[in-house]
Amino acid sequence: MWPYALAIGAVAGLGIALLIAELAPRRPSLAAALDRLGGVDVVTAPDGSDADAKSRLGLWGQRHLAGRPGFTVPRRDLMILEKTPTEFFATKLLLLMLLGVLVPVLLSLVAWATNLGPLFTGGAALLSIPLALVGVLLADTMVRQEAAEARQEAARGVAVYLELVATQRHRGSTAAVALEMSATISDTWVFRRIREVLHQARLSGIQPWDALAQLSEETGVPELNDVADIMRLSGEGTAVYQPLRKRGQALRVQLLNQEHLEANRLSERMTYPQTLLGVIFLAILVTPPLMQLMAS
């Protein structure tokens, strides 16, 4: 009965803590209030049917937890990953329940089945709160790492895009045509996002470089803002072929240096297992003489 009682107590305590946090008076977050008020939350599956349980869980988290400590929405990271806050909260809450509820219950059952005693069973149940916090932080870390990799890939795509725009301008194309034609060369997600933004800008009557600057601000890719600044000069009648080529070359050198730094960091990390193996081998050699010396 120990594991069941402790598991029920842990889950009940977590539920009471969440209920108190929900009902306790506090200053409302303006961003969270605007998110809850803005638009109609209608979540449907791709086939038009009702949303699945994961989408409903994410929608609940977005409504009730947005803006609270540990539940801040990383909008830039989600924007570049093309994920919605609903998907982000669904992943966060699933990790929270997996690590904070399921893992302690399983550990309690294993401790009870192996007769480790109530102390180990209770200790496994008490792990629910720290494991839940790990689940919350793990979701943020995963999104942050994926966004960093996406920005690195976007920088490589922009380096190629700069060369293509420079080529189009050298052929005599206008600034808008050069930007749009260069974005049709590749089908990668970077070029697709640029095509979509430029198409929307043309339909809305917005200057294409302003649209690229806005995309740079939303996704946190500063290289797109460099393209926008250079092409803005083109709209003022300034020749931009050489600035585009120089910026593309500088960006390629910058990316190459970053790759070298990453390779060096990985190489240094490989020295740790080698050092550990050396220490283990030395311990194996030294242990028998030490045991003989202690025995004598």
Foldseek 3Di string as FASTA:
>chain_A
DLLVVLLVVLVVVVVVVVVCVQPPDDDDDPVLVCQLPPDDDADDDPVRHHDDPLLVQLVVCSNRPDPHVLRDDPQLLCVLVVHDSSNLRSQLVVQLCCQQRVQLSVQLVVCVVVVVDSVSNNVSSVCNVVRSSVSSVVSVVVSVVVLVVSLLVLLVVLLQLLLQLLVCVVVPDALLCSQQVSLPPDDDPNSVVLNVQSVVCVVVVHDSLVSQCVNCVRNVRCSSNQVSVLSVVVVVVDDRNVVSNVSSVVSVVVSVVVVVVVVVVVVVVVVVVVVVVVVVVVCVVPVVVVVVVVVD
